[in-house]
Amino acid sequence: LDTLAKLCAVLEVDANTILCVSSYEEEPPQ
């Protein structure tokens, strides 16, 4: 996780994008 945070900063990408957070928020509850 700490490396992922650094990687996202270097690549200028939001960690939420990498971790698919918006996709998770859109999934209906099971």
PDB file of all heavy atoms in Angstrom:
ATOM      1  N   LEU A   1       0.808  -1.220   0.000  1.00  0.00           N
ATOM      2  CA  LEU A   1       0.000   0.000   0.000  1.00  0.00           C
ATOM      3  C   LEU A   1       0.837   1.265   0.000  1.00  0.00           C
ATOM      4  O   LEU A   1       0.523   2.222  -0.718  1.00  0.00           O
ATOM      5  CB  LEU A   1      -0.970   0.002   1.184  1.00  0.00           C
ATOM      6  CG  LEU A   1      -2.114  -1.006   1.077  1.00  0.00           C
ATOM      7  CD1 LEU A   1      -2.975  -0.950   2.326  1.00  0.00           C
ATOM      8  CD2 LEU A   1      -2.939  -0.766  -0.171  1.00  0.00           C
ATOM      9  N   ASP A   2       1.920   1.299   0.783  1.00  0.00           N
ATOM     10  CA  ASP A   2       2.751   2.504   0.789  1.00  0.00           C
ATOM     11  C   ASP A   2       3.443   2.698  -0.559  1.00  0.00           C
ATOM     12  O   ASP A   2       3.568   3.821  -1.059  1.00  0.00           O
ATOM     13  CB  ASP A   2       3.761   2.484   1.935  1.00  0.00           C
ATOM     14  CG  ASP A   2       4.715   1.298   1.879  1.00  0.00           C
ATOM     15  OD1 ASP A   2       4.346   0.236   1.348  1.00  0.00           O
ATOM     16  OD2 ASP A   2       5.846   1.433   2.379  1.00  0.00           O
ATOM     17  N   THR A   3       3.835   1.606  -1.181  1.00  0.00           N
ATOM     18  CA  THR A   3       4.453   1.674  -2.506  1.00  0.00           C
ATOM     19  C   THR A   3       3.419   2.082  -3.548  1.00  0.00           C
ATOM     20  O   THR A   3       3.711   2.871  -4.451  1.00  0.00           O
ATOM     21  CB  THR A   3       5.098   0.326  -2.872  1.00  0.00           C
ATOM     22  OG1 THR A   3       6.023  -0.039  -1.850  1.00  0.00           O
ATOM     23  CG2 THR A   3       5.814   0.399  -4.207  1.00  0.00           C
ATOM     24  N   LEU A   4       2.205   1.582  -3.420  1.00  0.00           N
ATOM     25  CA  LEU A   4       1.135   1.963  -4.338  1.00  0.00           C
ATOM     26  C   LEU A   4       0.879   3.465  -4.256  1.00  0.00           C
ATOM     27  O   LEU A   4       0.701   4.130  -5.283  1.00  0.00           O
ATOM     28  CB  LEU A   4      -0.146   1.191  -4.046  1.00  0.00           C
ATOM     29  CG  LEU A   4      -1.344   1.558  -4.912  1.00  0.00           C
ATOM     30  CD1 LEU A   4      -1.078   1.233  -6.385  1.00  0.00           C
ATOM     31  CD2 LEU A   4      -2.596   0.850  -4.424  1.00  0.00           C
ATOM     32  N   ALA A   5       0.885   4.008  -3.048  1.00  0.00           N
ATOM     33  CA  ALA A   5       0.670   5.453  -2.881  1.00  0.00           C
ATOM     34  C   ALA A   5       1.764   6.244  -3.599  1.00  0.00           C
ATOM     35  O   ALA A   5       1.480   7.218  -4.309  1.00  0.00           O
ATOM     36  CB  ALA A   5       0.634   5.806  -1.402  1.00  0.00           C
ATOM     37  N   LYS A   6       3.009   5.819  -3.445  1.00  0.00           N
ATOM     38  CA  LYS A   6       4.124   6.496  -4.128  1.00  0.00           C
ATOM     39  C   LYS A   6       4.002   6.336  -5.638  1.00  0.00           C
ATOM     40  O   LYS A   6       4.235   7.282  -6.392  1.00  0.00           O
ATOM     41  CB  LYS A   6       5.461   5.913  -3.666  1.00  0.00           C
ATOM     42  CG  LYS A   6       5.804   6.199  -2.232  1.00  0.00           C
ATOM     43  CD  LYS A   6       7.097   5.470  -1.858  1.00  0.00           C
ATOM     44  CE  LYS A   6       7.334   5.438  -0.376  1.00  0.00           C
ATOM     45  NZ  LYS A   6       8.510   4.619  -0.046  1.00  0.00           N
ATOM     46  N   LEU A   7       3.643   5.142  -6.073  1.00  0.00           N
ATOM     47  CA  LEU A   7       3.498   4.864  -7.492  1.00  0.00           C
ATOM     48  C   LEU A   7       2.425   5.767  -8.109  1.00  0.00           C
ATOM     49  O   LEU A   7       2.627   6.344  -9.179  1.00  0.00           O
ATOM     50  CB  LEU A   7       3.150   3.387  -7.697  1.00  0.00           C
ATOM     51  CG  LEU A   7       3.088   2.855  -9.121  1.00  0.00           C
ATOM     52  CD1 LEU A   7       4.430   2.998  -9.824  1.00  0.00           C
ATOM     53  CD2 LEU A   7       2.658   1.397  -9.104  1.00  0.00           C
ATOM     54  N   CYS A   8       1.314   5.904  -7.424  1.00  0.00           N
ATOM     55  CA  CYS A   8       0.239   6.772  -7.916  1.00  0.00           C
ATOM     56  C   CYS A   8       0.709   8.221  -8.025  1.00  0.00           C
ATOM     57  O   CYS A   8       0.393   8.907  -9.003  1.00  0.00           O
ATOM     58  CB  CYS A   8      -0.983   6.677  -7.001  1.00  0.00           C
ATOM     59  SG  CYS A   8      -1.860   5.107  -7.149  1.00  0.00           S
ATOM     60  N   ALA A   9       1.478   8.672  -7.048  1.00  0.00           N
ATOM     61  CA  ALA A   9       1.989  10.049  -7.084  1.00  0.00           C
ATOM     62  C   ALA A   9       2.927  10.242  -8.268  1.00  0.00           C
ATOM     63  O   ALA A   9       2.813  11.229  -9.006  1.00  0.00           O
ATOM     64  CB  ALA A   9       2.696  10.380  -5.775  1.00  0.00           C
ATOM     65  N   VAL A  10       3.838   9.306  -8.473  1.00  0.00           N
ATOM     66  CA  VAL A  10       4.806   9.406  -9.573  1.00  0.00           C
ATOM     67  C   VAL A  10       4.100   9.332 -10.923  1.00  0.00           C
ATOM     68  O   VAL A  10       4.447  10.060 -11.855  1.00  0.00           O
ATOM     69  CB  VAL A  10       5.876   8.299  -9.449  1.00  0.00           C
ATOM     70  CG1 VAL A  10       6.681   8.151 -10.728  1.00  0.00           C
ATOM     71  CG2 VAL A  10       6.789   8.591  -8.277  1.00  0.00           C
ATOM     72  N   LEU A  11       3.103   8.473 -11.030  1.00  0.00           N
ATOM     73  CA  LEU A  11       2.395   8.290 -12.296  1.00  0.00           C
ATOM     74  C   LEU A  11       1.286   9.318 -12.498  1.00  0.00           C
ATOM     75  O   LEU A  11       0.632   9.339 -13.540  1.00  0.00           O
ATOM     76  CB  LEU A  11       1.811   6.875 -12.376  1.00  0.00           C
ATOM     77  CG  LEU A  11       2.812   5.730 -12.283  1.00  0.00           C
ATOM     78  CD1 LEU A  11       2.090   4.391 -12.303  1.00  0.00           C
ATOM     79  CD2 LEU A  11       3.844   5.807 -13.396  1.00  0.00           C
ATOM     80  N   GLU A  12       1.064  10.131 -11.474  1.00  0.00           N
ATOM     81  CA  GLU A  12       0.025  11.166 -11.508  1.00  0.00           C
ATOM     82  C   GLU A  12      -1.352  10.572 -11.797  1.00  0.00           C
ATOM     83  O   GLU A  12      -2.089  11.020 -12.673  1.00  0.00           O
ATOM     84  CB  GLU A  12       0.379  12.261 -12.510  1.00  0.00           C
ATOM     85  CG  GLU A  12       1.656  12.984 -12.154  1.00  0.00           C
ATOM     86  CD  GLU A  12       2.032  14.067 -13.150  1.00  0.00           C
ATOM     87  OE1 GLU A  12       1.368  14.205 -14.206  1.00  0.00           O
ATOM     88  OE2 GLU A  12       3.016  14.783 -12.874  1.00  0.00           O
ATOM     89  N   VAL A  13      -1.663   9.540 -11.039  1.00  0.00           N
ATOM     90  CA  VAL A  13      -2.958   8.876 -11.167  1.00  0.00           C
ATOM     91  C   VAL A  13      -3.570   8.764  -9.771  1.00  0.00           C
ATOM     92  O   VAL A  13      -2.868   8.560  -8.781  1.00  0.00           O
ATOM     93  CB  VAL A  13      -2.814   7.490 -11.846  1.00  0.00           C
ATOM     94  CG1 VAL A  13      -1.993   6.543 -11.022  1.00  0.00           C
ATOM     95  CG2 VAL A  13      -4.152   6.888 -12.161  1.00  0.00           C
ATOM     96  N   ASP A  14      -4.862   8.921  -9.687  1.00  0.00           N
ATOM     97  CA  ASP A  14      -5.576   8.836  -8.417  1.00  0.00           C
ATOM     98  C   ASP A  14      -5.630   7.379  -7.948  1.00  0.00           C
ATOM     99  O   ASP A  14      -5.991   6.486  -8.732  1.00  0.00           O
ATOM    100  CB  ASP A  14      -6.985   9.387  -8.611  1.00  0.00           C
ATOM    101  CG  ASP A  14      -7.784   9.513  -7.340  1.00  0.00           C
ATOM    102  OD1 ASP A  14      -7.398   8.950  -6.303  1.00  0.00           O
ATOM    103  OD2 ASP A  14      -8.825  10.194  -7.374  1.00  0.00           O
ATOM    104  N   ALA A  15      -5.292   7.136  -6.708  1.00  0.00           N
ATOM    105  CA  ALA A  15      -5.334   5.775  -6.160  1.00  0.00           C
ATOM    106  C   ALA A  15      -6.741   5.192  -6.248  1.00  0.00           C
ATOM    107  O   ALA A  15      -6.907   3.985  -6.425  1.00  0.00           O
ATOM    108  CB  ALA A  15      -4.838   5.765  -4.716  1.00  0.00           C
ATOM    109  N   ASN A  16      -7.756   6.033  -6.151  1.00  0.00           N
ATOM    110  CA  ASN A  16      -9.131   5.548  -6.283  1.00  0.00           C
ATOM    111  C   ASN A  16      -9.375   4.938  -7.656  1.00  0.00           C
ATOM    112  O   ASN A  16     -10.124   3.990  -7.794  1.00  0.00           O
ATOM    113  CB  ASN A  16     -10.130   6.672  -6.037  1.00  0.00           C
ATOM    114  CG  ASN A  16     -10.154   7.102  -4.593  1.00  0.00           C
ATOM    115  OD1 ASN A  16      -9.922   6.317  -3.687  1.00  0.00           O
ATOM    116  ND2 ASN A  16     -10.416   8.379  -4.360  1.00  0.00           N
ATOM    117  N   THR A  17      -8.728   5.480  -8.660  1.00  0.00           N
ATOM    118  CA  THR A  17      -8.847   4.930 -10.007  1.00  0.00           C
ATOM    119  C   THR A  17      -8.202   3.552 -10.072  1.00  0.00           C
ATOM    120  O   THR A  17      -8.788   2.608 -10.605  1.00  0.00           O
ATOM    121  CB  THR A  17      -8.185   5.869 -11.038  1.00  0.00           C
ATOM    122  OG1 THR A  17      -8.840   7.138 -10.969  1.00  0.00           O
ATOM    123  CG2 THR A  17      -8.264   5.311 -12.432  1.00  0.00           C
ATOM    124  N   ILE A  18      -6.990   3.449  -9.536  1.00  0.00           N
ATOM    125  CA  ILE A  18      -6.283   2.159  -9.538  1.00  0.00           C
ATOM    126  C   ILE A  18      -7.068   1.107  -8.763  1.00  0.00           C
ATOM    127  O   ILE A  18      -7.178  -0.038  -9.187  1.00  0.00           O
ATOM    128  CB  ILE A  18      -4.864   2.303  -8.943  1.00  0.00           C
ATOM    129  CG1 ILE A  18      -4.015   3.260  -9.775  1.00  0.00           C
ATOM    130  CG2 ILE A  18      -4.185   0.943  -8.774  1.00  0.00           C
ATOM    131  CD1 ILE A  18      -3.645   2.767 -11.152  1.00  0.00           C
ATOM    132  N   LEU A  19      -7.624   1.495  -7.626  1.00  0.00           N
ATOM    133  CA  LEU A  19      -8.329   0.544  -6.766  1.00  0.00           C
ATOM    134  C   LEU A  19      -9.797   0.366  -7.140  1.00  0.00           C
ATOM    135  O   LEU A  19     -10.521  -0.343  -6.455  1.00  0.00           O
ATOM    136  CB  LEU A  19      -8.207   0.990  -5.302  1.00  0.00           C
ATOM    137  CG  LEU A  19      -6.779   1.003  -4.767  1.00  0.00           C
ATOM    138  CD1 LEU A  19      -6.754   1.594  -3.361  1.00  0.00           C
ATOM    139  CD2 LEU A  19      -6.181  -0.390  -4.774  1.00  0.00           C
ATOM    140  N   CYS A  20     -10.224   1.021  -8.220  1.00  0.00           N
ATOM    141  CA  CYS A  20     -11.582   0.878  -8.737  1.00  0.00           C
ATOM    142  C   CYS A  20     -12.637   1.285  -7.706  1.00  0.00           C
ATOM    143  O   CYS A  20     -13.704   0.672  -7.619  1.00  0.00           O
ATOM    144  CB  CYS A  20     -11.833  -0.549  -9.209  1.00  0.00           C
ATOM    145  SG  CYS A  20     -10.574  -1.208 -10.305  1.00  0.00           S
ATOM    146  N   VAL A  21     -12.348   2.305  -6.918  1.00  0.00           N
ATOM    147  CA  VAL A  21     -13.266   2.722  -5.859  1.00  0.00           C
ATOM    148  C   VAL A  21     -14.606   3.151  -6.428  1.00  0.00           C
ATOM    149  O   VAL A  21     -15.653   2.789  -5.905  1.00  0.00           O
ATOM    150  CB  VAL A  21     -12.640   3.839  -4.991  1.00  0.00           C
ATOM    151  CG1 VAL A  21     -13.656   4.445  -4.045  1.00  0.00           C
ATOM    152  CG2 VAL A  21     -11.448   3.286  -4.229  1.00  0.00           C
ATOM    153  N   SER A  22     -14.607   3.881  -7.533  1.00  0.00           N
ATOM    154  CA  SER A  22     -15.881   4.320  -8.097  1.00  0.00           C
ATOM    155  C   SER A  22     -16.702   3.128  -8.574  1.00  0.00           C
ATOM    156  O   SER A  22     -17.921   3.126  -8.458  1.00  0.00           O
ATOM    157  CB  SER A  22     -15.669   5.312  -9.235  1.00  0.00           C
ATOM    158  OG  SER A  22     -14.958   4.718 -10.286  1.00  0.00           O
ATOM    159  N   SER A  23     -16.054   2.098  -9.079  1.00  0.00           N
ATOM    160  CA  SER A  23     -16.768   0.888  -9.493  1.00  0.00           C
ATOM    161  C   SER A  23     -17.398   0.205  -8.291  1.00  0.00           C
ATOM    162  O   SER A  23     -18.518  -0.290  -8.353  1.00  0.00           O
ATOM    163  CB  SER A  23     -15.816  -0.099 -10.176  1.00  0.00           C
ATOM    164  OG  SER A  23     -15.291   0.453 -11.342  1.00  0.00           O
ATOM    165  N   TYR A  24     -16.678   0.195  -7.169  1.00  0.00           N
ATOM    166  CA  TYR A  24     -17.182  -0.429  -5.951  1.00  0.00           C
ATOM    167  C   TYR A  24     -18.399   0.322  -5.443  1.00  0.00           C
ATOM    168  O   TYR A  24     -19.389  -0.278  -5.039  1.00  0.00           O
ATOM    169  CB  TYR A  24     -16.085  -0.460  -4.884  1.00  0.00           C
ATOM    170  CG  TYR A  24     -16.548  -1.048  -3.576  1.00  0.00           C
ATOM    171  CD1 TYR A  24     -16.732  -2.414  -3.447  1.00  0.00           C
ATOM    172  CD2 TYR A  24     -16.805  -0.242  -2.485  1.00  0.00           C
ATOM    173  CE1 TYR A  24     -17.160  -2.972  -2.251  1.00  0.00           C
ATOM    174  CE2 TYR A  24     -17.237  -0.783  -1.284  1.00  0.00           C
ATOM    175  CZ  TYR A  24     -17.408  -2.144  -1.172  1.00  0.00           C
ATOM    176  OH  TYR A  24     -17.837  -2.673  -0.001  1.00  0.00           O
ATOM    177  N   GLU A  25     -18.335   1.635  -5.475  1.00  0.00           N
ATOM    178  CA  GLU A  25     -19.452   2.454  -4.984  1.00  0.00           C
ATOM    179  C   GLU A  25     -20.699   2.265  -5.825  1.00  0.00           C
ATOM    180  O   GLU A  25     -21.803   2.441  -5.330  1.00  0.00           O
ATOM    181  CB  GLU A  25     -19.040   3.924  -4.956  1.00  0.00           C
ATOM    182  CG  GLU A  25     -17.985   4.221  -3.917  1.00  0.00           C
ATOM    183  CD  GLU A  25     -17.418   5.635  -4.006  1.00  0.00           C
ATOM    184  OE1 GLU A  25     -17.707   6.339  -4.997  1.00  0.00           O
ATOM    185  OE2 GLU A  25     -16.686   6.008  -3.080  1.00  0.00           O
ATOM    186  N   GLU A  26     -20.543   1.897  -7.088  1.00  0.00           N
ATOM    187  CA  GLU A  26     -21.680   1.744  -7.981  1.00  0.00           C
ATOM    188  C   GLU A  26     -22.290   0.355  -7.924  1.00  0.00           C
ATOM    189  O   GLU A  26     -23.381   0.157  -8.429  1.00  0.00           O
ATOM    190  CB  GLU A  26     -21.237   2.048  -9.415  1.00  0.00           C
ATOM    191  CG  GLU A  26     -20.831   3.494  -9.592  1.00  0.00           C
ATOM    192  CD  GLU A  26     -20.168   3.751 -10.935  1.00  0.00           C
ATOM    193  OE1 GLU A  26     -20.131   2.839 -11.788  1.00  0.00           O
ATOM    194  OE2 GLU A  26     -19.680   4.883 -11.123  1.00  0.00           O
ATOM    195  N   GLU A  27     -21.607  -0.605  -7.328  1.00  0.00           N
ATOM    196  CA  GLU A  27     -22.131  -1.963  -7.264  1.00  0.00           C
ATOM    197  C   GLU A  27     -23.305  -2.016  -6.295  1.00  0.00           C
ATOM    198  O   GLU A  27     -23.252  -1.449  -5.205  1.00  0.00           O
ATOM    199  CB  GLU A  27     -21.064  -2.940  -6.792  1.00  0.00           C
ATOM    200  CG  GLU A  27     -20.016  -3.231  -7.818  1.00  0.00           C
ATOM    201  CD  GLU A  27     -18.991  -4.248  -7.333  1.00  0.00           C
ATOM    202  OE1 GLU A  27     -19.174  -4.838  -6.249  1.00  0.00           O
ATOM    203  OE2 GLU A  27     -18.004  -4.455  -8.054  1.00  0.00           O
ATOM    204  N   PRO A  28     -24.373  -2.718  -6.677  1.00  0.00           N
ATOM    205  CA  PRO A  28     -25.502  -2.856  -5.753  1.00  0.00           C
ATOM    206  C   PRO A  28     -25.113  -3.767  -4.588  1.00  0.00           C
ATOM    207  O   PRO A  28     -24.290  -4.657  -4.734  1.00  0.00           O
ATOM    208  CB  PRO A  28     -26.584  -3.501  -6.610  1.00  0.00           C
ATOM    209  CG  PRO A  28     -25.858  -4.163  -7.730  1.00  0.00           C
ATOM    210  CD  PRO A  28     -24.585  -3.381  -7.935  1.00  0.00           C
ATOM    211  N   PRO A  29     -25.693  -3.524  -3.426  1.00  0.00           N
ATOM    212  CA  PRO A  29     -25.393  -4.385  -2.277  1.00  0.00           C
ATOM    213  C   PRO A  29     -25.840  -5.821  -2.542  1.00  0.00           C
ATOM    214  O   PRO A  29     -26.848  -6.046  -3.211  1.00  0.00           O
ATOM    215  CB  PRO A  29     -26.199  -3.776  -1.128  1.00  0.00           C
ATOM    216  CG  PRO A  29     -27.056  -2.728  -1.713  1.00  0.00           C
ATOM    217  CD  PRO A  29     -26.660  -2.501  -3.140  1.00  0.00           C
ATOM    218  N   GLN A  30     -25.062  -6.759  -2.018  1.00  0.00           N
ATOM    219  CA  GLN A  30     -25.415  -8.163  -2.211  1.00  0.00           C
ATOM    220  C   GLN A  30     -26.294  -8.630  -1.065  1.00  0.00           C
ATOM    221  O   GLN A  30     -26.126  -8.221   0.075  1.00  0.00           O
ATOM    222  CB  GLN A  30     -24.149  -9.004  -2.287  1.00  0.00           C
ATOM    223  CG  GLN A  30     -23.328  -8.609  -3.493  1.00  0.00           C
ATOM    224  CD  GLN A  30     -22.255  -9.639  -3.811  1.00  0.00           C
ATOM    225  OE1 GLN A  30     -22.200 -10.677  -3.185  1.00  0.00           O
ATOM    226  NE2 GLN A  30     -21.421  -9.328  -4.771  1.00  0.00           N
TER     227      GLN A  30
END
